[in-house]
PDB file of all heavy atoms in Angstrom:
ATOM      1  N   HIS A   1      -3.935  -4.492 -16.437  1.00  0.00           N
ATOM      2  CA  HIS A   1      -2.811  -3.777 -15.819  1.00  0.00           C
ATOM      3  C   HIS A   1      -1.806  -4.750 -15.267  1.00  0.00           C
ATOM      4  O   HIS A   1      -0.618  -4.660 -15.462  1.00  0.00           O
ATOM      5  CB  HIS A   1      -3.345  -2.896 -14.716  1.00  0.00           C
ATOM      6  CG  HIS A   1      -2.246  -2.151 -13.961  1.00  0.00           C
ATOM      7  ND1 HIS A   1      -1.649  -2.704 -12.832  1.00  0.00           N
ATOM      8  CD2 HIS A   1      -1.625  -0.954 -14.216  1.00  0.00           C
ATOM      9  CE1 HIS A   1      -0.726  -1.862 -12.413  1.00  0.00           C
ATOM     10  NE2 HIS A   1      -0.674  -0.824 -13.220  1.00  0.00           N
ATOM     11  N   ASP A   2      -2.322  -5.751 -14.541  1.00  0.00           N
ATOM     12  CA  ASP A   2      -1.407  -6.797 -13.980  1.00  0.00           C
ATOM     13  C   ASP A   2      -0.704  -7.559 -15.077  1.00  0.00           C
ATOM     14  O   ASP A   2       0.474  -7.891 -14.969  1.00  0.00           O
ATOM     15  CB  ASP A   2      -2.226  -7.778 -13.101  1.00  0.00           C
ATOM     16  CG  ASP A   2      -2.615  -7.131 -11.822  1.00  0.00           C
ATOM     17  OD1 ASP A   2      -2.039  -6.128 -11.375  1.00  0.00           O
ATOM     18  OD2 ASP A   2      -3.617  -7.625 -11.187  1.00  0.00           O
ATOM     19  N   TYR A   3      -1.399  -7.847 -16.111  1.00  0.00           N
ATOM     20  CA  TYR A   3      -0.841  -8.557 -17.261  1.00  0.00           C
ATOM     21  C   TYR A   3       0.300  -7.790 -17.890  1.00  0.00           C
ATOM     22  O   TYR A   3       1.359  -8.300 -18.126  1.00  0.00           O
ATOM     23  CB  TYR A   3      -1.912  -8.886 -18.283  1.00  0.00           C
ATOM     24  CG  TYR A   3      -1.434  -9.615 -19.511  1.00  0.00           C
ATOM     25  CD1 TYR A   3      -1.347 -11.019 -19.478  1.00  0.00           C
ATOM     26  CD2 TYR A   3      -1.159  -8.946 -20.681  1.00  0.00           C
ATOM     27  CE1 TYR A   3      -0.940 -11.729 -20.559  1.00  0.00           C
ATOM     28  CE2 TYR A   3      -0.684  -9.673 -21.790  1.00  0.00           C
ATOM     29  CZ  TYR A   3      -0.631 -11.058 -21.768  1.00  0.00           C
ATOM     30  OH  TYR A   3      -0.204 -11.746 -22.833  1.00  0.00           O
ATOM     31  N   TYR A   4       0.050  -6.468 -18.115  1.00  0.00           N
ATOM     32  CA  TYR A   4       1.107  -5.636 -18.676  1.00  0.00           C
ATOM     33  C   TYR A   4       2.288  -5.605 -17.767  1.00  0.00           C
ATOM     34  O   TYR A   4       3.421  -5.756 -18.191  1.00  0.00           O
ATOM     35  CB  TYR A   4       0.510  -4.192 -18.792  1.00  0.00           C
ATOM     36  CG  TYR A   4       0.087  -3.804 -20.183  1.00  0.00           C
ATOM     37  CD1 TYR A   4      -1.122  -3.196 -20.401  1.00  0.00           C
ATOM     38  CD2 TYR A   4       0.893  -4.019 -21.287  1.00  0.00           C
ATOM     39  CE1 TYR A   4      -1.559  -2.823 -21.642  1.00  0.00           C
ATOM     40  CE2 TYR A   4       0.472  -3.661 -22.580  1.00  0.00           C
ATOM     41  CZ  TYR A   4      -0.741  -3.050 -22.761  1.00  0.00           C
ATOM     42  OH  TYR A   4      -1.134  -2.720 -23.994  1.00  0.00           O
ATOM     43  N   SER A   5       2.098  -5.417 -16.464  1.00  0.00           N
ATOM     44  CA  SER A   5       3.184  -5.305 -15.535  1.00  0.00           C
ATOM     45  C   SER A   5       3.986  -6.567 -15.499  1.00  0.00           C
ATOM     46  O   SER A   5       5.204  -6.553 -15.542  1.00  0.00           O
ATOM     47  CB  SER A   5       2.629  -5.055 -14.125  1.00  0.00           C
ATOM     48  OG  SER A   5       1.902  -3.814 -14.100  1.00  0.00           O
ATOM     49  N   ASN A   6       3.351  -7.731 -15.435  1.00  0.00           N
ATOM     50  CA  ASN A   6       4.059  -9.017 -15.383  1.00  0.00           C
ATOM     51  C   ASN A   6       4.756  -9.369 -16.694  1.00  0.00           C
ATOM     52  O   ASN A   6       5.784  -9.978 -16.703  1.00  0.00           O
ATOM     53  CB  ASN A   6       3.113 -10.115 -14.931  1.00  0.00           C
ATOM     54  CG  ASN A   6       2.709 -10.021 -13.498  1.00  0.00           C
ATOM     55  OD1 ASN A   6       3.569  -9.838 -12.627  1.00  0.00           O
ATOM     56  ND2 ASN A   6       1.417 -10.112 -13.180  1.00  0.00           N
ATOM     57  N   SER A   7       4.110  -8.995 -17.804  1.00  0.00           N
ATOM     58  CA  SER A   7       4.587  -9.363 -19.126  1.00  0.00           C
ATOM     59  C   SER A   7       5.871  -8.565 -19.445  1.00  0.00           C
ATOM     60  O   SER A   7       6.653  -8.978 -20.323  1.00  0.00           O
ATOM     61  CB  SER A   7       3.585  -9.141 -20.206  1.00  0.00           C
ATOM     62  OG  SER A   7       2.470  -9.961 -20.035  1.00  0.00           O
ATOM     63  N   MET A   8       6.052  -7.407 -18.859  1.00  0.00           N
ATOM     64  CA  MET A   8       7.199  -6.619 -19.188  1.00  0.00           C
ATOM     65  C   MET A   8       8.432  -6.997 -18.390  1.00  0.00           C
ATOM     66  O   MET A   8       9.505  -6.495 -18.579  1.00  0.00           O
ATOM     67  CB  MET A   8       6.877  -5.153 -18.896  1.00  0.00           C
ATOM     68  CG  MET A   8       5.862  -4.553 -19.792  1.00  0.00           C
ATOM     69  SD  MET A   8       6.248  -4.832 -21.569  1.00  0.00           S
ATOM     70  CE  MET A   8       4.735  -4.318 -22.334  1.00  0.00           C
ATOM     71  N   ARG A   9       8.272  -7.973 -17.507  1.00  0.00           N
ATOM     72  CA  ARG A   9       9.468  -8.428 -16.712  1.00  0.00           C
ATOM     73  C   ARG A   9      10.359  -9.256 -17.622  1.00  0.00           C
ATOM     74  O   ARG A   9       9.904  -9.840 -18.630  1.00  0.00           O
ATOM     75  CB  ARG A   9       8.998  -9.333 -15.548  1.00  0.00           C
ATOM     76  CG  ARG A   9       8.216  -8.613 -14.502  1.00  0.00           C
ATOM     77  CD  ARG A   9       7.865  -9.550 -13.407  1.00  0.00           C
ATOM     78  NE  ARG A   9       7.164 -10.723 -13.881  1.00  0.00           N
ATOM     79  CZ  ARG A   9       6.879 -11.765 -13.142  1.00  0.00           C
ATOM     80  NH1 ARG A   9       7.331 -11.836 -11.941  1.00  0.00           N
ATOM     81  NH2 ARG A   9       6.201 -12.758 -13.633  1.00  0.00           N
ATOM     82  N   PRO A  10      11.657  -9.390 -17.321  1.00  0.00           N
ATOM     83  CA  PRO A  10      12.540 -10.260 -18.123  1.00  0.00           C
ATOM     84  C   PRO A  10      12.005 -11.664 -18.135  1.00  0.00           C
ATOM     85  O   PRO A  10      11.412 -12.145 -17.133  1.00  0.00           O
ATOM     86  CB  PRO A  10      13.893 -10.162 -17.362  1.00  0.00           C
ATOM     87  CG  PRO A  10      13.809  -8.862 -16.617  1.00  0.00           C
ATOM     88  CD  PRO A  10      12.347  -8.731 -16.239  1.00  0.00           C
ATOM     89  N   GLU A  11      12.282 -12.427 -19.193  1.00  0.00           N
ATOM     90  CA  GLU A  11      11.820 -13.801 -19.293  1.00  0.00           C
ATOM     91  C   GLU A  11      12.462 -14.650 -18.173  1.00  0.00           C
ATOM     92  O   GLU A  11      13.612 -14.488 -17.819  1.00  0.00           O
ATOM     93  CB  GLU A  11      12.273 -14.422 -20.630  1.00  0.00           C
ATOM     94  CG  GLU A  11      11.499 -13.856 -21.774  1.00  0.00           C
ATOM     95  CD  GLU A  11      10.029 -14.339 -21.823  1.00  0.00           C
ATOM     96  OE1 GLU A  11       9.762 -15.327 -21.149  1.00  0.00           O
ATOM     97  OE2 GLU A  11       9.197 -13.688 -22.470  1.00  0.00           O
ATOM     98  N   LEU A  12      11.654 -15.560 -17.637  1.00  0.00           N
ATOM     99  CA  LEU A  12      12.179 -16.486 -16.649  1.00  0.00           C
ATOM    100  C   LEU A  12      13.076 -17.488 -17.303  1.00  0.00           C
ATOM    101  O   LEU A  12      12.903 -17.865 -18.417  1.00  0.00           O
ATOM    102  CB  LEU A  12      10.984 -17.218 -15.942  1.00  0.00           C
ATOM    103  CG  LEU A  12      10.044 -16.335 -15.175  1.00  0.00           C
ATOM    104  CD1 LEU A  12       8.891 -17.132 -14.684  1.00  0.00           C
ATOM    105  CD2 LEU A  12      10.758 -15.663 -14.034  1.00  0.00           C
ATOM    106  N   ARG A  13      14.060 -17.972 -16.547  1.00  0.00           N
ATOM    107  CA  ARG A  13      14.956 -18.995 -17.121  1.00  0.00           C
ATOM    108  C   ARG A  13      14.219 -20.305 -17.240  1.00  0.00           C
ATOM    109  O   ARG A  13      13.267 -20.589 -16.531  1.00  0.00           O
ATOM    110  CB  ARG A  13      16.146 -19.206 -16.217  1.00  0.00           C
ATOM    111  CG  ARG A  13      17.106 -18.010 -16.197  1.00  0.00           C
ATOM    112  CD  ARG A  13      18.290 -18.328 -15.306  1.00  0.00           C
ATOM    113  NE  ARG A  13      17.845 -18.490 -13.930  1.00  0.00           N
ATOM    114  CZ  ARG A  13      18.637 -19.012 -13.002  1.00  0.00           C
ATOM    115  NH1 ARG A  13      19.845 -19.369 -13.290  1.00  0.00           N
ATOM    116  NH2 ARG A  13      18.198 -19.147 -11.773  1.00  0.00           N
ATOM    117  N   GLY A  14      14.685 -21.135 -18.216  1.00  0.00           N
ATOM    118  CA  GLY A  14      14.068 -22.438 -18.353  1.00  0.00           C
ATOM    119  C   GLY A  14      12.773 -22.403 -19.161  1.00  0.00           C
ATOM    120  O   GLY A  14      12.514 -21.431 -19.879  1.00  0.00           O
ATOM    121  N   ASN A  15      11.981 -23.439 -19.038  1.00  0.00           N
ATOM    122  CA  ASN A  15      10.708 -23.529 -19.784  1.00  0.00           C
ATOM    123  C   ASN A  15       9.517 -23.207 -18.965  1.00  0.00           C
ATOM    124  O   ASN A  15       8.515 -23.925 -19.012  1.00  0.00           O
ATOM    125  CB  ASN A  15      10.600 -24.955 -20.363  1.00  0.00           C
ATOM    126  CG  ASN A  15      11.757 -25.242 -21.336  1.00  0.00           C
ATOM    127  OD1 ASN A  15      12.139 -24.378 -22.102  1.00  0.00           O
ATOM    128  ND2 ASN A  15      12.282 -26.477 -21.267  1.00  0.00           N
ATOM    129  N   ALA A  16       9.585 -22.162 -18.146  1.00  0.00           N
ATOM    130  CA  ALA A  16       8.440 -21.788 -17.278  1.00  0.00           C
ATOM    131  C   ALA A  16       7.251 -21.466 -18.136  1.00  0.00           C
ATOM    132  O   ALA A  16       7.371 -20.786 -19.178  1.00  0.00           O
ATOM    133  CB  ALA A  16       8.805 -20.611 -16.409  1.00  0.00           C
ATOM    134  N   LEU A  17       6.067 -21.924 -17.783  1.00  0.00           N
ATOM    135  CA  LEU A  17       4.850 -21.674 -18.531  1.00  0.00           C
ATOM    136  C   LEU A  17       4.372 -20.266 -18.332  1.00  0.00           C
ATOM    137  O   LEU A  17       4.628 -19.644 -17.313  1.00  0.00           O
ATOM    138  CB  LEU A  17       3.770 -22.679 -18.077  1.00  0.00           C
ATOM    139  CG  LEU A  17       3.967 -24.121 -18.527  1.00  0.00           C
ATOM    140  CD1 LEU A  17       2.835 -24.943 -17.906  1.00  0.00           C
ATOM    141  CD2 LEU A  17       3.941 -24.265 -20.026  1.00  0.00           C
ATOM    142  N   PRO A  18       3.590 -19.770 -19.336  1.00  0.00           N
ATOM    143  CA  PRO A  18       3.004 -18.449 -19.199  1.00  0.00           C
ATOM    144  C   PRO A  18       2.025 -18.329 -18.017  1.00  0.00           C
ATOM    145  O   PRO A  18       1.713 -17.279 -17.557  1.00  0.00           O
ATOM    146  CB  PRO A  18       2.227 -18.273 -20.518  1.00  0.00           C
ATOM    147  CG  PRO A  18       2.818 -19.246 -21.455  1.00  0.00           C
ATOM    148  CD  PRO A  18       3.326 -20.354 -20.618  1.00  0.00           C
ATOM    149  N   PHE A  19       1.612 -19.464 -17.431  1.00  0.00           N
ATOM    150  CA  PHE A  19       0.686 -19.457 -16.332  1.00  0.00           C
ATOM    151  C   PHE A  19       1.287 -18.654 -15.157  1.00  0.00           C
ATOM    152  O   PHE A  19       0.571 -18.055 -14.367  1.00  0.00           O
ATOM    153  CB  PHE A  19       0.380 -20.843 -15.782  1.00  0.00           C
ATOM    154  CG  PHE A  19      -0.508 -21.643 -16.695  1.00  0.00           C
ATOM    155  CD1 PHE A  19      -0.119 -22.868 -17.215  1.00  0.00           C
ATOM    156  CD2 PHE A  19      -1.744 -21.153 -17.096  1.00  0.00           C
ATOM    157  CE1 PHE A  19      -0.914 -23.584 -18.063  1.00  0.00           C
ATOM    158  CE2 PHE A  19      -2.557 -21.858 -17.931  1.00  0.00           C
ATOM    159  CZ  PHE A  19      -2.171 -23.100 -18.378  1.00  0.00           C
ATOM    160  N   CYS A  20       2.618 -18.646 -15.071  1.00  0.00           N
ATOM    161  CA  CYS A  20       3.247 -17.980 -13.893  1.00  0.00           C
ATOM    162  C   CYS A  20       3.084 -16.502 -13.939  1.00  0.00           C
ATOM    163  O   CYS A  20       3.464 -15.813 -13.013  1.00  0.00           O
ATOM    164  CB  CYS A  20       4.733 -18.371 -13.815  1.00  0.00           C
ATOM    165  SG  CYS A  20       5.723 -17.727 -15.138  1.00  0.00           S
ATOM    166  N   MET A  21       2.523 -15.961 -15.085  1.00  0.00           N
ATOM    167  CA  MET A  21       2.325 -14.521 -15.164  1.00  0.00           C
ATOM    168  C   MET A  21       0.972 -14.094 -14.663  1.00  0.00           C
ATOM    169  O   MET A  21       0.650 -12.979 -14.628  1.00  0.00           O
ATOM    170  CB  MET A  21       2.542 -14.041 -16.622  1.00  0.00           C
ATOM    171  CG  MET A  21       3.967 -14.044 -17.062  1.00  0.00           C
ATOM    172  SD  MET A  21       4.225 -13.423 -18.681  1.00  0.00           S
ATOM    173  CE  MET A  21       3.594 -14.752 -19.666  1.00  0.00           C
ATOM    174  N   GLN A  22       0.142 -15.116 -14.339  1.00  0.00           N
ATOM    175  CA  GLN A  22      -1.192 -14.746 -13.855  1.00  0.00           C
ATOM    176  C   GLN A  22      -1.071 -14.160 -12.444  1.00  0.00           C
ATOM    177  O   GLN A  22      -0.357 -14.711 -11.569  1.00  0.00           O
ATOM    178  CB  GLN A  22      -2.088 -15.980 -13.784  1.00  0.00           C
ATOM    179  CG  GLN A  22      -2.455 -16.496 -15.187  1.00  0.00           C
ATOM    180  CD  GLN A  22      -3.633 -17.403 -15.108  1.00  0.00           C
ATOM    181  OE1 GLN A  22      -4.603 -17.059 -14.454  1.00  0.00           O
ATOM    182  NE2 GLN A  22      -3.558 -18.569 -15.758  1.00  0.00           N
ATOM    183  N   PRO A  23      -1.818 -13.061 -12.182  1.00  0.00           N
ATOM    184  CA  PRO A  23      -1.739 -12.462 -10.862  1.00  0.00           C
ATOM    185  C   PRO A  23      -2.108 -13.479  -9.716  1.00  0.00           C
ATOM    186  O   PRO A  23      -1.394 -13.474  -8.737  1.00  0.00           O
ATOM    187  CB  PRO A  23      -2.837 -11.344 -10.945  1.00  0.00           C
ATOM    188  CG  PRO A  23      -2.864 -11.047 -12.381  1.00  0.00           C
ATOM    189  CD  PRO A  23      -2.630 -12.362 -13.087  1.00  0.00           C
ATOM    190  N   GLU A  24      -3.062 -14.317  -9.953  1.00  0.00           N
ATOM    191  CA  GLU A  24      -3.453 -15.231  -8.903  1.00  0.00           C
ATOM    192  C   GLU A  24      -2.390 -16.266  -8.671  1.00  0.00           C
ATOM    193  O   GLU A  24      -2.107 -16.683  -7.545  1.00  0.00           O
ATOM    194  CB  GLU A  24      -4.779 -15.923  -9.251  1.00  0.00           C
ATOM    195  CG  GLU A  24      -4.683 -16.706 -10.563  1.00  0.00           C
ATOM    196  CD  GLU A  24      -5.959 -17.489 -10.805  1.00  0.00           C
ATOM    197  OE1 GLU A  24      -6.856 -17.448  -9.958  1.00  0.00           O
ATOM    198  OE2 GLU A  24      -6.038 -18.159 -11.866  1.00  0.00           O
ATOM    199  N   PHE A  25      -1.655 -16.690  -9.715  1.00  0.00           N
ATOM    200  CA  PHE A  25      -0.615 -17.652  -9.609  1.00  0.00           C
ATOM    201  C   PHE A  25       0.568 -17.051  -8.876  1.00  0.00           C
ATOM    202  O   PHE A  25       1.185 -17.697  -8.043  1.00  0.00           O
ATOM    203  CB  PHE A  25      -0.231 -18.162 -10.971  1.00  0.00           C
ATOM    204  CG  PHE A  25       0.918 -19.159 -10.928  1.00  0.00           C
ATOM    205  CD1 PHE A  25       0.642 -20.477 -10.630  1.00  0.00           C
ATOM    206  CD2 PHE A  25       2.199 -18.766 -11.159  1.00  0.00           C
ATOM    207  CE1 PHE A  25       1.700 -21.401 -10.568  1.00  0.00           C
ATOM    208  CE2 PHE A  25       3.232 -19.687 -11.048  1.00  0.00           C
ATOM    209  CZ  PHE A  25       2.982 -21.014 -10.804  1.00  0.00           C
ATOM    210  N   CYS A  26       0.919 -15.798  -9.221  1.00  0.00           N
ATOM    211  CA  CYS A  26       2.111 -15.160  -8.609  1.00  0.00           C
ATOM    212  C   CYS A  26       1.885 -15.025  -7.119  1.00  0.00           C
ATOM    213  O   CYS A  26       2.845 -15.235  -6.339  1.00  0.00           O
ATOM    214  CB  CYS A  26       2.363 -13.805  -9.249  1.00  0.00           C
ATOM    215  SG  CYS A  26       2.930 -13.955 -10.974  1.00  0.00           S
ATOM    216  N   SER A  27       0.716 -14.626  -6.682  1.00  0.00           N
ATOM    217  CA  SER A  27       0.453 -14.528  -5.277  1.00  0.00           C
ATOM    218  C   SER A  27       0.525 -15.882  -4.538  1.00  0.00           C
ATOM    219  O   SER A  27       1.013 -15.987  -3.420  1.00  0.00           O
ATOM    220  CB  SER A  27      -0.933 -13.886  -5.010  1.00  0.00           C
ATOM    221  OG  SER A  27      -1.921 -14.689  -5.513  1.00  0.00           O
ATOM    222  N   PHE A  28       0.074 -16.909  -5.242  1.00  0.00           N
ATOM    223  CA  PHE A  28       0.184 -18.274  -4.672  1.00  0.00           C
ATOM    224  C   PHE A  28       1.590 -18.679  -4.536  1.00  0.00           C
ATOM    225  O   PHE A  28       2.034 -19.229  -3.513  1.00  0.00           O
ATOM    226  CB  PHE A  28      -0.565 -19.278  -5.604  1.00  0.00           C
ATOM    227  CG  PHE A  28      -0.294 -20.680  -5.264  1.00  0.00           C
ATOM    228  CD1 PHE A  28      -0.923 -21.302  -4.187  1.00  0.00           C
ATOM    229  CD2 PHE A  28       0.604 -21.417  -6.016  1.00  0.00           C
ATOM    230  CE1 PHE A  28      -0.651 -22.625  -3.895  1.00  0.00           C
ATOM    231  CE2 PHE A  28       0.854 -22.740  -5.729  1.00  0.00           C
ATOM    232  CZ  PHE A  28       0.232 -23.369  -4.693  1.00  0.00           C
ATOM    233  N   GLU A  29       2.423 -18.351  -5.566  1.00  0.00           N
ATOM    234  CA  GLU A  29       3.856 -18.766  -5.569  1.00  0.00           C
ATOM    235  C   GLU A  29       4.561 -18.066  -4.391  1.00  0.00           C
ATOM    236  O   GLU A  29       5.362 -18.689  -3.665  1.00  0.00           O
ATOM    237  CB  GLU A  29       4.479 -18.312  -6.867  1.00  0.00           C
ATOM    238  CG  GLU A  29       5.890 -18.807  -7.022  1.00  0.00           C
ATOM    239  CD  GLU A  29       6.447 -18.419  -8.413  1.00  0.00           C
ATOM    240  OE1 GLU A  29       6.101 -17.371  -8.902  1.00  0.00           O
ATOM    241  OE2 GLU A  29       7.219 -19.224  -8.991  1.00  0.00           O
ATOM    242  N   LYS A  30       4.220 -16.798  -4.073  1.00  0.00           N
ATOM    243  CA  LYS A  30       4.844 -16.109  -2.971  1.00  0.00           C
ATOM    244  C   LYS A  30       4.414 -16.728  -1.639  1.00  0.00           C
ATOM    245  O   LYS A  30       5.216 -16.916  -0.726  1.00  0.00           O
ATOM    246  CB  LYS A  30       4.397 -14.659  -2.972  1.00  0.00           C
ATOM    247  CG  LYS A  30       4.983 -13.881  -4.160  1.00  0.00           C
ATOM    248  CD  LYS A  30       4.427 -12.467  -4.224  1.00  0.00           C
ATOM    249  CE  LYS A  30       4.987 -11.717  -5.447  1.00  0.00           C
ATOM    250  NZ  LYS A  30       4.375 -10.410  -5.587  1.00  0.00           N
ATOM    251  N   ALA A  31       3.143 -17.120  -1.568  1.00  0.00           N
ATOM    252  CA  ALA A  31       2.672 -17.790  -0.350  1.00  0.00           C
ATOM    253  C   ALA A  31       3.388 -19.099  -0.097  1.00  0.00           C
ATOM    254  O   ALA A  31       3.756 -19.443   1.006  1.00  0.00           O
ATOM    255  CB  ALA A  31       1.159 -18.004  -0.437  1.00  0.00           C
ATOM    256  N   GLU A  32       3.579 -19.886  -1.210  1.00  0.00           N
ATOM    257  CA  GLU A  32       4.273 -21.158  -1.078  1.00  0.00           C
ATOM    258  C   GLU A  32       5.686 -20.931  -0.589  1.00  0.00           C
ATOM    259  O   GLU A  32       6.221 -21.718   0.202  1.00  0.00           O
ATOM    260  CB  GLU A  32       4.295 -21.859  -2.448  1.00  0.00           C
ATOM    261  CG  GLU A  32       2.897 -22.363  -2.897  1.00  0.00           C
ATOM    262  CD  GLU A  32       2.443 -23.500  -1.995  1.00  0.00           C
ATOM    263  OE1 GLU A  32       3.058 -24.607  -1.980  1.00  0.00           O
ATOM    264  OE2 GLU A  32       1.490 -23.292  -1.274  1.00  0.00           O
ATOM    265  N   THR A  33       6.319 -19.868  -1.063  1.00  0.00           N
ATOM    266  CA  THR A  33       7.668 -19.591  -0.680  1.00  0.00           C
ATOM    267  C   THR A  33       7.760 -19.238   0.823  1.00  0.00           C
ATOM    268  O   THR A  33       8.653 -19.677   1.537  1.00  0.00           O
ATOM    269  CB  THR A  33       8.281 -18.376  -1.494  1.00  0.00           C
ATOM    270  OG1 THR A  33       8.184 -18.698  -2.867  1.00  0.00           O
ATOM    271  CG2 THR A  33       9.680 -18.087  -1.103  1.00  0.00           C
ATOM    272  N   ARG A  34       6.771 -18.515   1.307  1.00  0.00           N
ATOM    273  CA  ARG A  34       6.772 -18.130   2.696  1.00  0.00           C
ATOM    274  C   ARG A  34       6.712 -19.298   3.662  1.00  0.00           C
ATOM    275  O   ARG A  34       7.308 -19.348   4.647  1.00  0.00           O
ATOM    276  CB  ARG A  34       5.580 -17.185   2.964  1.00  0.00           C
ATOM    277  CG  ARG A  34       5.807 -15.735   2.503  1.00  0.00           C
ATOM    278  CD  ARG A  34       4.821 -14.873   3.126  1.00  0.00           C
ATOM    279  NE  ARG A  34       3.467 -15.183   2.921  1.00  0.00           N
ATOM    280  CZ  ARG A  34       2.763 -14.731   1.872  1.00  0.00           C
ATOM    281  NH1 ARG A  34       3.288 -13.914   1.012  1.00  0.00           N
ATOM    282  NH2 ARG A  34       1.508 -15.071   1.664  1.00  0.00           N
ATOM    283  N   ILE A  35       5.911 -20.329   3.228  1.00  0.00           N
ATOM    284  CA  ILE A  35       5.796 -21.467   4.132  1.00  0.00           C
ATOM    285  C   ILE A  35       6.834 -22.565   3.869  1.00  0.00           C
ATOM    286  O   ILE A  35       6.850 -23.593   4.463  1.00  0.00           O
ATOM    287  CB  ILE A  35       4.370 -22.085   4.049  1.00  0.00           C
ATOM    288  CG1 ILE A  35       4.091 -22.616   2.633  1.00  0.00           C
ATOM    289  CG2 ILE A  35       3.285 -21.059   4.454  1.00  0.00           C
ATOM    290  CD1 ILE A  35       2.726 -23.359   2.507  1.00  0.00           C
ATOM    291  N   GLN A  36       7.724 -22.267   2.886  1.00  0.00           N
ATOM    292  CA  GLN A  36       8.901 -23.181   2.623  1.00  0.00           C
ATOM    293  C   GLN A  36       8.382 -24.594   2.278  1.00  0.00           C
ATOM    294  O   GLN A  36       8.986 -25.572   2.701  1.00  0.00           O
ATOM    295  CB  GLN A  36       9.818 -23.233   3.805  1.00  0.00           C
ATOM    296  CG  GLN A  36      10.425 -21.852   4.124  1.00  0.00           C
ATOM    297  CD  GLN A  36      11.326 -21.301   2.993  1.00  0.00           C
ATOM    298  OE1 GLN A  36      12.204 -22.079   2.542  1.00  0.00           O
ATOM    299  NE2 GLN A  36      11.110 -20.106   2.632  1.00  0.00           N
ATOM    300  N   GLU A  37       7.321 -24.742   1.518  1.00  0.00           N
ATOM    301  CA  GLU A  37       6.863 -26.050   1.085  1.00  0.00           C
ATOM    302  C   GLU A  37       7.803 -26.524  -0.040  1.00  0.00           C
ATOM    303  O   GLU A  37       8.024 -25.857  -0.981  1.00  0.00           O
ATOM    304  CB  GLU A  37       5.407 -25.978   0.614  1.00  0.00           C
ATOM    305  CG  GLU A  37       4.915 -27.372   0.170  1.00  0.00           C
ATOM    306  CD  GLU A  37       3.477 -27.247  -0.273  1.00  0.00           C
ATOM    307  OE1 GLU A  37       2.866 -26.174  -0.212  1.00  0.00           O
ATOM    308  OE2 GLU A  37       2.979 -28.262  -0.782  1.00  0.00           O
ATOM    309  N   PRO A  38       8.328 -27.784   0.076  1.00  0.00           N
ATOM    310  CA  PRO A  38       9.188 -28.321  -0.975  1.00  0.00           C
ATOM    311  C   PRO A  38       8.395 -28.466  -2.269  1.00  0.00           C
ATOM    312  O   PRO A  38       7.293 -28.977  -2.278  1.00  0.00           O
ATOM    313  CB  PRO A  38       9.679 -29.631  -0.402  1.00  0.00           C
ATOM    314  CG  PRO A  38       8.621 -30.012   0.615  1.00  0.00           C
ATOM    315  CD  PRO A  38       8.156 -28.703   1.182  1.00  0.00           C
TER     316      PRO A  38
END
């Protein structure tokens, strides 16, 4: 279900890897954004 939901989003700009569509990765990315880590 998560894969379907994420895969239907518009393509990310640049050469972003498919890894960014993993549910665990997306939640990590949001956490990184919250703490403003460079």
